[in-house]
Amino acid sequence: MPDSQRLIQWAAKSGPATEKLIETVLGSRQHPQQAYRSCLGILRLGKAYGDKRLEAGSDCFTFVLIQYHTMEKAKR
């Protein structure tokens, strides 16, 4: 299983938005290892749809994910 830095490096090959998304997903869990499968799934989308589409989707999804975690923290 890859480590966090390797996942971030793979994401950076697709672009900065994908890199930011992977960093956000890794940071959203108490232990980064809990997010590895999610990150691998996201990166696998790049093979299916291409890096350009993955990058565009990552940009939108990072915004939504950050908003969600902000609201979750506000509930506590």
N, C-alpha and C. Protein backbone atom coordinates (compact mmCIF):
# COMPACT_ATOMS: atom_id res chain seq x y z
N MET A 1 0.86 -1.18 0.00
CA MET A 1 0.00 0.00 0.00
C MET A 1 0.90 1.24 0.00
N PRO A 2 0.58 2.23 -0.81
CA PRO A 2 1.41 3.44 -0.88
C PRO A 2 1.27 4.29 0.37
N ASP A 3 2.21 5.17 0.56
CA ASP A 3 2.11 6.09 1.69
C ASP A 3 1.54 7.43 1.22
N SER A 4 1.30 8.33 2.15
CA SER A 4 0.67 9.61 1.85
C SER A 4 1.45 10.43 0.84
N GLN A 5 2.76 10.50 1.00
CA GLN A 5 3.58 11.30 0.09
C GLN A 5 3.54 10.76 -1.33
N ARG A 6 3.52 9.47 -1.47
CA ARG A 6 3.46 8.87 -2.81
C ARG A 6 2.12 9.18 -3.48
N LEU A 7 1.03 9.12 -2.72
CA LEU A 7 -0.28 9.47 -3.27
C LEU A 7 -0.32 10.93 -3.73
N ILE A 8 0.27 11.80 -2.93
CA ILE A 8 0.31 13.22 -3.28
C ILE A 8 1.15 13.44 -4.54
N GLN A 9 2.26 12.72 -4.66
CA GLN A 9 3.10 12.83 -5.86
C GLN A 9 2.36 12.35 -7.10
N TRP A 10 1.63 11.25 -6.98
CA TRP A 10 0.85 10.75 -8.12
C TRP A 10 -0.21 11.77 -8.51
N ALA A 11 -0.86 12.37 -7.52
CA ALA A 11 -1.90 13.35 -7.79
C ALA A 11 -1.32 14.59 -8.47
N ALA A 12 -0.12 14.99 -8.07
CA ALA A 12 0.52 16.18 -8.65
C ALA A 12 0.78 16.00 -10.14
N LYS A 13 0.92 14.77 -10.60
CA LYS A 13 1.13 14.53 -12.03
C LYS A 13 -0.11 14.90 -12.84
N SER A 14 -1.29 14.83 -12.21
CA SER A 14 -2.52 15.22 -12.89
C SER A 14 -2.71 16.73 -12.86
N GLY A 15 -2.27 17.35 -11.76
CA GLY A 15 -2.39 18.80 -11.66
C GLY A 15 -2.55 19.25 -10.22
N PRO A 16 -2.48 20.56 -10.00
CA PRO A 16 -2.54 21.10 -8.64
C PRO A 16 -3.88 20.89 -7.95
N ALA A 17 -4.99 20.89 -8.68
CA ALA A 17 -6.30 20.68 -8.05
C ALA A 17 -6.44 19.25 -7.56
N THR A 18 -5.93 18.30 -8.32
CA THR A 18 -5.97 16.90 -7.90
C THR A 18 -5.07 16.69 -6.69
N GLU A 19 -3.93 17.34 -6.70
CA GLU A 19 -3.02 17.26 -5.55
C GLU A 19 -3.70 17.81 -4.30
N LYS A 20 -4.37 18.94 -4.43
CA LYS A 20 -5.07 19.57 -3.30
C LYS A 20 -6.19 18.66 -2.80
N LEU A 21 -6.92 18.02 -3.73
CA LEU A 21 -8.00 17.11 -3.34
C LEU A 21 -7.46 15.94 -2.53
N ILE A 22 -6.38 15.34 -2.99
CA ILE A 22 -5.80 14.19 -2.27
C ILE A 22 -5.31 14.63 -0.90
N GLU A 23 -4.68 15.80 -0.81
CA GLU A 23 -4.25 16.32 0.49
C GLU A 23 -5.45 16.54 1.41
N THR A 24 -6.54 17.04 0.86
CA THR A 24 -7.75 17.30 1.65
C THR A 24 -8.36 15.99 2.15
N VAL A 25 -8.43 15.00 1.27
CA VAL A 25 -8.98 13.70 1.66
C VAL A 25 -8.10 13.06 2.74
N LEU A 26 -6.80 13.11 2.56
CA LEU A 26 -5.89 12.54 3.57
C LEU A 26 -6.03 13.26 4.90
N GLY A 27 -6.20 14.57 4.86
CA GLY A 27 -6.33 15.35 6.08
C GLY A 27 -7.68 15.25 6.75
N SER A 28 -8.65 14.69 6.04
CA SER A 28 -10.01 14.62 6.58
C SER A 28 -10.21 13.45 7.55
N ARG A 29 -9.27 12.57 7.59
CA ARG A 29 -9.39 11.39 8.46
C ARG A 29 -8.46 11.53 9.66
N GLN A 30 -8.85 10.88 10.73
CA GLN A 30 -8.02 10.91 11.93
C GLN A 30 -6.65 10.31 11.66
N HIS A 31 -6.61 9.25 10.89
CA HIS A 31 -5.35 8.62 10.48
C HIS A 31 -5.33 8.61 8.95
N PRO A 32 -4.31 9.17 8.32
CA PRO A 32 -4.27 9.23 6.85
C PRO A 32 -4.44 7.88 6.17
N GLN A 33 -4.01 6.80 6.81
CA GLN A 33 -4.11 5.48 6.22
C GLN A 33 -5.57 5.11 5.94
N GLN A 34 -6.50 5.69 6.68
CA GLN A 34 -7.91 5.41 6.48
C GLN A 34 -8.42 5.97 5.15
N ALA A 35 -7.69 6.89 4.55
CA ALA A 35 -8.11 7.53 3.30
C ALA A 35 -7.42 6.96 2.06
N TYR A 36 -6.53 6.02 2.23
CA TYR A 36 -5.76 5.51 1.10
C TYR A 36 -6.64 4.94 -0.01
N ARG A 37 -7.63 4.14 0.34
CA ARG A 37 -8.49 3.54 -0.69
C ARG A 37 -9.28 4.60 -1.44
N SER A 38 -9.76 5.61 -0.73
CA SER A 38 -10.48 6.70 -1.38
C SER A 38 -9.58 7.43 -2.36
N CYS A 39 -8.36 7.70 -1.92
CA CYS A 39 -7.41 8.39 -2.79
C CYS A 39 -7.07 7.57 -4.02
N LEU A 40 -6.86 6.28 -3.84
CA LEU A 40 -6.56 5.42 -4.98
C LEU A 40 -7.73 5.39 -5.96
N GLY A 41 -8.94 5.41 -5.44
CA GLY A 41 -10.12 5.45 -6.30
C GLY A 41 -10.19 6.73 -7.11
N ILE A 42 -9.88 7.85 -6.47
CA ILE A 42 -9.86 9.14 -7.17
C ILE A 42 -8.81 9.12 -8.27
N LEU A 43 -7.62 8.67 -7.94
CA LEU A 43 -6.53 8.64 -8.92
C LEU A 43 -6.83 7.67 -10.06
N ARG A 44 -7.55 6.61 -9.77
CA ARG A 44 -7.92 5.65 -10.81
C ARG A 44 -8.85 6.29 -11.85
N LEU A 45 -9.63 7.29 -11.43
CA LEU A 45 -10.50 7.99 -12.38
C LEU A 45 -9.69 8.67 -13.48
N GLY A 46 -8.46 9.07 -13.16
CA GLY A 46 -7.59 9.68 -14.17
C GLY A 46 -7.28 8.72 -15.30
N LYS A 47 -7.17 7.43 -14.99
CA LYS A 47 -6.92 6.44 -16.03
C LYS A 47 -8.16 6.25 -16.90
N ALA A 48 -9.32 6.31 -16.28
CA ALA A 48 -10.56 6.08 -17.03
C ALA A 48 -10.97 7.30 -17.86
N TYR A 49 -10.78 8.50 -17.32
CA TYR A 49 -11.30 9.70 -17.96
C TYR A 49 -10.22 10.68 -18.43
N GLY A 50 -8.99 10.46 -18.05
CA GLY A 50 -7.91 11.35 -18.45
C GLY A 50 -7.62 12.39 -17.38
N ASP A 51 -6.38 12.85 -17.40
CA ASP A 51 -5.93 13.80 -16.38
C ASP A 51 -6.65 15.14 -16.47
N LYS A 52 -6.99 15.58 -17.66
CA LYS A 52 -7.65 16.88 -17.82
C LYS A 52 -9.02 16.89 -17.14
N ARG A 53 -9.80 15.83 -17.35
CA ARG A 53 -11.12 15.75 -16.73
C ARG A 53 -11.02 15.52 -15.23
N LEU A 54 -10.04 14.73 -14.81
CA LEU A 54 -9.82 14.50 -13.38
C LEU A 54 -9.48 15.82 -12.70
N GLU A 55 -8.64 16.61 -13.33
CA GLU A 55 -8.24 17.90 -12.77
C GLU A 55 -9.44 18.84 -12.64
N ALA A 56 -10.28 18.88 -13.65
CA ALA A 56 -11.47 19.74 -13.61
C ALA A 56 -12.43 19.30 -12.51
N GLY A 57 -12.64 18.00 -12.40
CA GLY A 57 -13.52 17.48 -11.36
C GLY A 57 -12.94 17.67 -9.96
N SER A 58 -11.65 17.53 -9.84
CA SER A 58 -10.99 17.68 -8.54
C SER A 58 -11.14 19.10 -8.02
N ASP A 59 -11.05 20.06 -8.91
CA ASP A 59 -11.18 21.47 -8.52
C ASP A 59 -12.54 21.71 -7.89
N CYS A 60 -13.59 21.21 -8.51
CA CYS A 60 -14.95 21.40 -7.99
C CYS A 60 -15.15 20.61 -6.70
N PHE A 61 -14.68 19.37 -6.68
CA PHE A 61 -14.93 18.51 -5.53
C PHE A 61 -14.18 18.97 -4.29
N THR A 62 -12.99 19.52 -4.45
CA THR A 62 -12.23 20.03 -3.30
C THR A 62 -13.02 21.12 -2.61
N PHE A 63 -13.62 22.01 -3.38
CA PHE A 63 -14.42 23.09 -2.81
C PHE A 63 -15.58 22.52 -2.00
N VAL A 64 -16.29 21.55 -2.55
CA VAL A 64 -17.43 20.94 -1.87
C VAL A 64 -16.98 20.23 -0.60
N LEU A 65 -15.89 19.50 -0.67
CA LEU A 65 -15.37 18.75 0.47
C LEU A 65 -14.97 19.68 1.60
N ILE A 66 -14.30 20.77 1.28
CA ILE A 66 -13.89 21.73 2.30
C ILE A 66 -15.12 22.36 2.95
N GLN A 67 -16.13 22.71 2.15
CA GLN A 67 -17.36 23.29 2.68
C GLN A 67 -18.04 22.30 3.64
N TYR A 68 -18.10 21.03 3.25
CA TYR A 68 -18.73 20.00 4.07
C TYR A 68 -18.03 19.87 5.42
N HIS A 69 -16.71 19.80 5.41
CA HIS A 69 -15.97 19.65 6.66
C HIS A 69 -16.10 20.90 7.53
N THR A 70 -16.20 22.05 6.93
CA THR A 70 -16.41 23.28 7.69
C THR A 70 -17.75 23.25 8.40
N MET A 71 -18.78 22.79 7.70
CA MET A 71 -20.11 22.70 8.32
C MET A 71 -20.13 21.64 9.42
N GLU A 72 -19.45 20.54 9.20
CA GLU A 72 -19.40 19.48 10.22
C GLU A 72 -18.73 19.99 11.50
N LYS A 73 -17.66 20.75 11.36
CA LYS A 73 -16.97 21.30 12.53
C LYS A 73 -17.84 22.32 13.24
N ALA A 74 -18.63 23.07 12.50
CA ALA A 74 -19.50 24.08 13.10
C ALA A 74 -20.63 23.43 13.90
N LYS A 75 -21.04 22.23 13.54
CA LYS A 75 -22.09 21.53 14.26
C LYS A 75 -21.65 21.10 15.65
N ARG A 76 -20.37 20.87 15.81
CA ARG A 76 -19.85 20.35 17.09
C ARG A 76 -19.81 21.38 18.15
